[in-house]
Amino acid sequence: MTLAAVASRSGVPLPTVKRIFGGKFNQASVGNVAAVANALGAPLGFADSPVEEFRRGQARAKAERIASIVQGTSALESQAVDRETYETLVARSYHELLAGPSRRLWAE
């Protein structure tokens, strides 16, 4: 199968497919690598977990880190938030991370 055919079947742009096959995985999103793998009939997974589940786990972990930072800063100012407000912060951050660009999930 040509790289153009893989790009067409996967819905991933041809330059990205070329990067993936050139070994430059760090320049392609996990979603694009998974789409190429699926197009080739070799679904990609992490520890028996679908890619989307892995992505959601990363979003949840990062959302909790963000909320913890806010909670810690607020506590220093004697304005710590209650558990319900904390969970609301986590949920909001989680949804914003999933809706935004994937690189935000992995950036520190």
N, C-alpha and C. Protein backbone atom coordinates (compact mmCIF):
# COMPACT_ATOMS: atom_id res chain seq x y z
N MET A 1 0.86 -1.17 0.00
CA MET A 1 0.00 0.00 0.00
C MET A 1 0.91 1.24 0.00
N THR A 2 0.55 2.21 -0.80
CA THR A 2 1.35 3.43 -0.86
C THR A 2 1.05 4.31 0.35
N LEU A 3 1.95 5.24 0.62
CA LEU A 3 1.72 6.18 1.72
C LEU A 3 0.49 7.04 1.44
N ALA A 4 0.26 7.38 0.18
CA ALA A 4 -0.93 8.15 -0.18
C ALA A 4 -2.20 7.36 0.14
N ALA A 5 -2.17 6.05 -0.11
CA ALA A 5 -3.34 5.22 0.19
C ALA A 5 -3.56 5.13 1.70
N VAL A 6 -2.48 5.02 2.46
CA VAL A 6 -2.60 4.99 3.93
C VAL A 6 -3.19 6.31 4.42
N ALA A 7 -2.72 7.41 3.86
CA ALA A 7 -3.24 8.72 4.25
C ALA A 7 -4.73 8.82 3.93
N SER A 8 -5.12 8.35 2.77
CA SER A 8 -6.52 8.40 2.37
C SER A 8 -7.39 7.53 3.28
N ARG A 9 -6.95 6.31 3.55
CA ARG A 9 -7.73 5.38 4.38
C ARG A 9 -7.81 5.84 5.84
N SER A 10 -6.76 6.48 6.32
CA SER A 10 -6.72 6.86 7.74
C SER A 10 -7.29 8.25 8.00
N GLY A 11 -7.34 9.09 6.96
CA GLY A 11 -7.77 10.47 7.15
C GLY A 11 -6.68 11.36 7.72
N VAL A 12 -5.46 10.85 7.75
CA VAL A 12 -4.30 11.58 8.28
C VAL A 12 -3.59 12.23 7.09
N PRO A 13 -3.19 13.50 7.20
CA PRO A 13 -2.50 14.16 6.08
C PRO A 13 -1.24 13.40 5.66
N LEU A 14 -0.97 13.39 4.36
CA LEU A 14 0.18 12.67 3.82
C LEU A 14 1.50 13.07 4.48
N PRO A 15 1.79 14.36 4.71
CA PRO A 15 3.07 14.69 5.37
C PRO A 15 3.19 14.04 6.76
N THR A 16 2.09 13.94 7.47
CA THR A 16 2.12 13.31 8.79
C THR A 16 2.36 11.81 8.67
N VAL A 17 1.73 11.18 7.69
CA VAL A 17 1.95 9.75 7.44
C VAL A 17 3.43 9.52 7.13
N LYS A 18 4.02 10.39 6.32
CA LYS A 18 5.44 10.26 5.99
C LYS A 18 6.32 10.38 7.23
N ARG A 19 5.96 11.32 8.13
CA ARG A 19 6.72 11.46 9.38
C ARG A 19 6.62 10.19 10.22
N ILE A 20 5.42 9.64 10.32
CA ILE A 20 5.22 8.43 11.13
C ILE A 20 6.06 7.29 10.58
N PHE A 21 5.99 7.07 9.26
CA PHE A 21 6.76 5.99 8.66
C PHE A 21 8.25 6.29 8.62
N GLY A 22 8.61 7.56 8.77
CA GLY A 22 10.02 7.95 8.84
C GLY A 22 10.59 7.82 10.25
N GLY A 23 9.76 7.36 11.19
CA GLY A 23 10.23 7.15 12.55
C GLY A 23 10.15 8.38 13.44
N LYS A 24 9.49 9.43 12.97
CA LYS A 24 9.39 10.66 13.75
C LYS A 24 8.04 10.70 14.48
N PHE A 25 7.83 9.70 15.34
CA PHE A 25 6.56 9.58 16.06
C PHE A 25 6.30 10.76 16.98
N ASN A 26 7.36 11.35 17.53
CA ASN A 26 7.18 12.46 18.46
C ASN A 26 6.63 13.70 17.77
N GLN A 27 6.61 13.70 16.44
CA GLN A 27 6.06 14.83 15.70
C GLN A 27 4.63 14.56 15.23
N ALA A 28 4.05 13.44 15.66
CA ALA A 28 2.68 13.09 15.29
C ALA A 28 1.88 12.83 16.56
N SER A 29 0.60 13.15 16.52
CA SER A 29 -0.24 12.91 17.70
C SER A 29 -0.53 11.42 17.83
N VAL A 30 -0.87 11.01 19.04
CA VAL A 30 -1.24 9.62 19.29
C VAL A 30 -2.45 9.25 18.44
N GLY A 31 -3.38 10.19 18.29
CA GLY A 31 -4.56 9.93 17.48
C GLY A 31 -4.22 9.65 16.03
N ASN A 32 -3.26 10.39 15.48
CA ASN A 32 -2.85 10.16 14.09
C ASN A 32 -2.12 8.83 13.94
N VAL A 33 -1.26 8.50 14.88
CA VAL A 33 -0.56 7.21 14.84
C VAL A 33 -1.58 6.07 14.93
N ALA A 34 -2.57 6.23 15.82
CA ALA A 34 -3.62 5.21 15.97
C ALA A 34 -4.45 5.08 14.70
N ALA A 35 -4.77 6.20 14.05
CA ALA A 35 -5.55 6.17 12.82
C ALA A 35 -4.79 5.44 11.71
N VAL A 36 -3.49 5.67 11.61
CA VAL A 36 -2.67 4.99 10.61
C VAL A 36 -2.62 3.49 10.93
N ALA A 37 -2.43 3.16 12.19
CA ALA A 37 -2.41 1.74 12.59
C ALA A 37 -3.74 1.06 12.26
N ASN A 38 -4.84 1.73 12.55
CA ASN A 38 -6.16 1.17 12.24
C ASN A 38 -6.34 0.97 10.73
N ALA A 39 -5.86 1.92 9.94
CA ALA A 39 -5.96 1.82 8.48
C ALA A 39 -5.18 0.63 7.95
N LEU A 40 -4.14 0.25 8.67
CA LEU A 40 -3.31 -0.89 8.27
C LEU A 40 -3.81 -2.20 8.88
N GLY A 41 -4.90 -2.13 9.66
CA GLY A 41 -5.45 -3.33 10.27
C GLY A 41 -4.72 -3.78 11.51
N ALA A 42 -4.00 -2.86 12.15
CA ALA A 42 -3.26 -3.17 13.37
C ALA A 42 -3.60 -2.14 14.43
N PRO A 43 -4.80 -2.25 15.03
CA PRO A 43 -5.22 -1.24 16.03
C PRO A 43 -4.17 -1.05 17.12
N LEU A 44 -4.01 0.19 17.50
CA LEU A 44 -3.02 0.56 18.51
C LEU A 44 -3.69 0.67 19.87
N GLY A 45 -3.09 0.15 20.89
CA GLY A 45 -3.63 0.27 22.23
C GLY A 45 -2.50 0.37 23.23
N PHE A 46 -2.80 0.79 24.43
CA PHE A 46 -1.82 0.91 25.49
C PHE A 46 -2.27 0.03 26.65
N ALA A 47 -1.52 -1.01 26.91
CA ALA A 47 -1.83 -1.92 28.02
C ALA A 47 -3.28 -2.35 27.97
N ASP A 48 -3.71 -2.84 26.81
CA ASP A 48 -5.09 -3.30 26.60
C ASP A 48 -6.12 -2.21 26.82
N SER A 49 -5.73 -0.97 26.68
CA SER A 49 -6.64 0.15 26.86
C SER A 49 -6.74 0.92 25.55
N PRO A 50 -7.95 1.24 25.09
CA PRO A 50 -8.07 2.00 23.85
C PRO A 50 -7.40 3.37 23.98
N VAL A 51 -6.99 3.91 22.87
CA VAL A 51 -6.29 5.19 22.85
C VAL A 51 -7.12 6.29 23.51
N GLU A 52 -8.39 6.33 23.22
CA GLU A 52 -9.24 7.39 23.79
C GLU A 52 -9.31 7.28 25.32
N GLU A 53 -9.35 6.07 25.83
CA GLU A 53 -9.35 5.88 27.29
C GLU A 53 -8.04 6.37 27.89
N PHE A 54 -6.94 6.09 27.22
CA PHE A 54 -5.62 6.56 27.66
C PHE A 54 -5.59 8.09 27.67
N ARG A 55 -6.12 8.69 26.61
CA ARG A 55 -6.17 10.15 26.49
C ARG A 55 -7.01 10.77 27.60
N ARG A 56 -8.15 10.15 27.88
CA ARG A 56 -9.01 10.66 28.96
C ARG A 56 -8.35 10.53 30.33
N GLY A 57 -7.60 9.46 30.53
CA GLY A 57 -6.87 9.30 31.78
C GLY A 57 -5.83 10.39 31.95
N GLN A 58 -5.13 10.73 30.87
CA GLN A 58 -4.14 11.80 30.91
C GLN A 58 -4.82 13.13 31.20
N ALA A 59 -5.98 13.36 30.58
CA ALA A 59 -6.71 14.62 30.82
C ALA A 59 -7.15 14.71 32.27
N ARG A 60 -7.62 13.62 32.83
CA ARG A 60 -8.07 13.61 34.23
C ARG A 60 -6.89 13.90 35.17
N ALA A 61 -5.77 13.24 34.92
CA ALA A 61 -4.59 13.43 35.78
C ALA A 61 -4.10 14.87 35.72
N LYS A 62 -4.07 15.45 34.52
CA LYS A 62 -3.61 16.82 34.39
C LYS A 62 -4.60 17.79 35.01
N ALA A 63 -5.91 17.53 34.85
CA ALA A 63 -6.94 18.38 35.45
C ALA A 63 -6.81 18.37 36.98
N GLU A 64 -6.52 17.21 37.55
CA GLU A 64 -6.34 17.12 39.00
C GLU A 64 -5.10 17.89 39.45
N ARG A 65 -4.02 17.84 38.66
CA ARG A 65 -2.82 18.62 39.00
C ARG A 65 -3.12 20.12 38.97
N ILE A 66 -3.85 20.55 37.95
CA ILE A 66 -4.20 21.97 37.84
C ILE A 66 -5.06 22.40 39.03
N ALA A 67 -6.07 21.60 39.36
CA ALA A 67 -6.95 21.94 40.48
C ALA A 67 -6.18 21.94 41.80
N SER A 68 -5.23 21.04 41.95
CA SER A 68 -4.41 21.00 43.17
C SER A 68 -3.57 22.26 43.31
N ILE A 69 -3.04 22.74 42.20
CA ILE A 69 -2.26 23.98 42.24
C ILE A 69 -3.15 25.14 42.67
N VAL A 70 -4.35 25.22 42.09
CA VAL A 70 -5.29 26.28 42.47
C VAL A 70 -5.65 26.15 43.95
N GLN A 71 -5.93 24.92 44.39
CA GLN A 71 -6.29 24.67 45.79
C GLN A 71 -5.15 25.09 46.72
N GLY A 72 -3.92 24.72 46.35
CA GLY A 72 -2.77 25.07 47.18
C GLY A 72 -2.54 26.57 47.26
N THR A 73 -2.68 27.25 46.14
CA THR A 73 -2.52 28.70 46.10
C THR A 73 -3.61 29.37 46.94
N SER A 74 -4.83 28.89 46.80
CA SER A 74 -5.95 29.45 47.57
C SER A 74 -5.76 29.23 49.06
N ALA A 75 -5.24 28.06 49.43
CA ALA A 75 -5.02 27.76 50.84
C ALA A 75 -3.98 28.70 51.44
N LEU A 76 -2.96 29.02 50.65
CA LEU A 76 -1.94 29.95 51.12
C LEU A 76 -2.54 31.33 51.40
N GLU A 77 -3.57 31.65 50.67
CA GLU A 77 -4.23 32.95 50.85
C GLU A 77 -5.42 32.84 51.81
N SER A 78 -5.50 31.72 52.54
CA SER A 78 -6.59 31.44 53.48
C SER A 78 -7.96 31.47 52.80
N GLN A 79 -8.00 31.02 51.55
CA GLN A 79 -9.25 30.99 50.81
C GLN A 79 -9.42 29.64 50.12
N ALA A 80 -9.04 28.58 50.79
CA ALA A 80 -9.13 27.25 50.20
C ALA A 80 -10.58 26.94 49.82
N VAL A 81 -10.73 26.19 48.74
CA VAL A 81 -12.07 25.86 48.26
C VAL A 81 -12.52 24.54 48.86
N ASP A 82 -13.85 24.36 48.95
CA ASP A 82 -14.38 23.11 49.49
C ASP A 82 -14.27 22.00 48.45
N ARG A 83 -14.57 20.78 48.85
CA ARG A 83 -14.42 19.61 47.98
C ARG A 83 -15.28 19.72 46.72
N GLU A 84 -16.49 20.20 46.84
CA GLU A 84 -17.39 20.33 45.69
C GLU A 84 -16.82 21.31 44.65
N THR A 85 -16.30 22.43 45.12
CA THR A 85 -15.70 23.42 44.22
C THR A 85 -14.45 22.85 43.56
N TYR A 86 -13.67 22.09 44.34
CA TYR A 86 -12.47 21.44 43.81
C TYR A 86 -12.85 20.49 42.67
N GLU A 87 -13.88 19.66 42.90
CA GLU A 87 -14.33 18.71 41.87
C GLU A 87 -14.84 19.45 40.63
N THR A 88 -15.48 20.59 40.83
CA THR A 88 -15.95 21.40 39.70
C THR A 88 -14.76 21.92 38.90
N LEU A 89 -13.70 22.35 39.58
CA LEU A 89 -12.47 22.79 38.90
C LEU A 89 -11.86 21.65 38.09
N VAL A 90 -11.82 20.47 38.69
CA VAL A 90 -11.27 19.31 37.99
C VAL A 90 -12.09 19.01 36.74
N ALA A 91 -13.41 18.97 36.90
CA ALA A 91 -14.29 18.65 35.76
C ALA A 91 -14.15 19.68 34.64
N ARG A 92 -14.12 20.94 35.00
CA ARG A 92 -13.99 21.99 34.00
C ARG A 92 -12.66 21.88 33.26
N SER A 93 -11.59 21.70 34.01
CA SER A 93 -10.26 21.56 33.38
C SER A 93 -10.21 20.32 32.49
N TYR A 94 -10.78 19.23 32.96
CA TYR A 94 -10.82 17.97 32.21
C TYR A 94 -11.48 18.19 30.85
N HIS A 95 -12.64 18.80 30.84
CA HIS A 95 -13.37 19.01 29.59
C HIS A 95 -12.65 20.00 28.67
N GLU A 96 -12.03 21.02 29.24
CA GLU A 96 -11.27 21.97 28.43
C GLU A 96 -10.05 21.31 27.80
N LEU A 97 -9.39 20.43 28.55
CA LEU A 97 -8.23 19.73 28.01
C LEU A 97 -8.63 18.80 26.87
N LEU A 98 -9.73 18.10 27.02
CA LEU A 98 -10.18 17.19 25.96
C LEU A 98 -10.65 17.94 24.72
N ALA A 99 -11.22 19.12 24.92
CA ALA A 99 -11.74 19.89 23.79
C ALA A 99 -10.63 20.65 23.06
N GLY A 100 -9.54 20.90 23.74
CA GLY A 100 -8.46 21.69 23.14
C GLY A 100 -7.49 20.82 22.35
N PRO A 101 -6.41 21.43 21.90
CA PRO A 101 -5.40 20.70 21.14
C PRO A 101 -4.75 19.60 22.00
N SER A 102 -4.46 18.47 21.40
CA SER A 102 -3.89 17.34 22.12
C SER A 102 -2.56 17.67 22.79
N ARG A 103 -1.80 18.58 22.20
CA ARG A 103 -0.49 18.89 22.78
C ARG A 103 -0.64 19.46 24.20
N ARG A 104 -1.79 20.06 24.52
CA ARG A 104 -2.00 20.58 25.88
C ARG A 104 -2.07 19.46 26.90
N LEU A 105 -2.47 18.27 26.47
CA LEU A 105 -2.54 17.12 27.39
C LEU A 105 -1.15 16.69 27.83
N TRP A 106 -0.17 16.84 26.98
CA TRP A 106 1.14 16.28 27.24
C TRP A 106 2.16 17.33 27.68
N ALA A 107 1.87 18.60 27.50
CA ALA A 107 2.80 19.66 27.92
C ALA A 107 2.79 19.77 29.43
N GLU A 108 3.91 20.10 29.97
CA GLU A 108 4.01 20.27 31.45
C GLU A 108 3.44 21.56 31.89
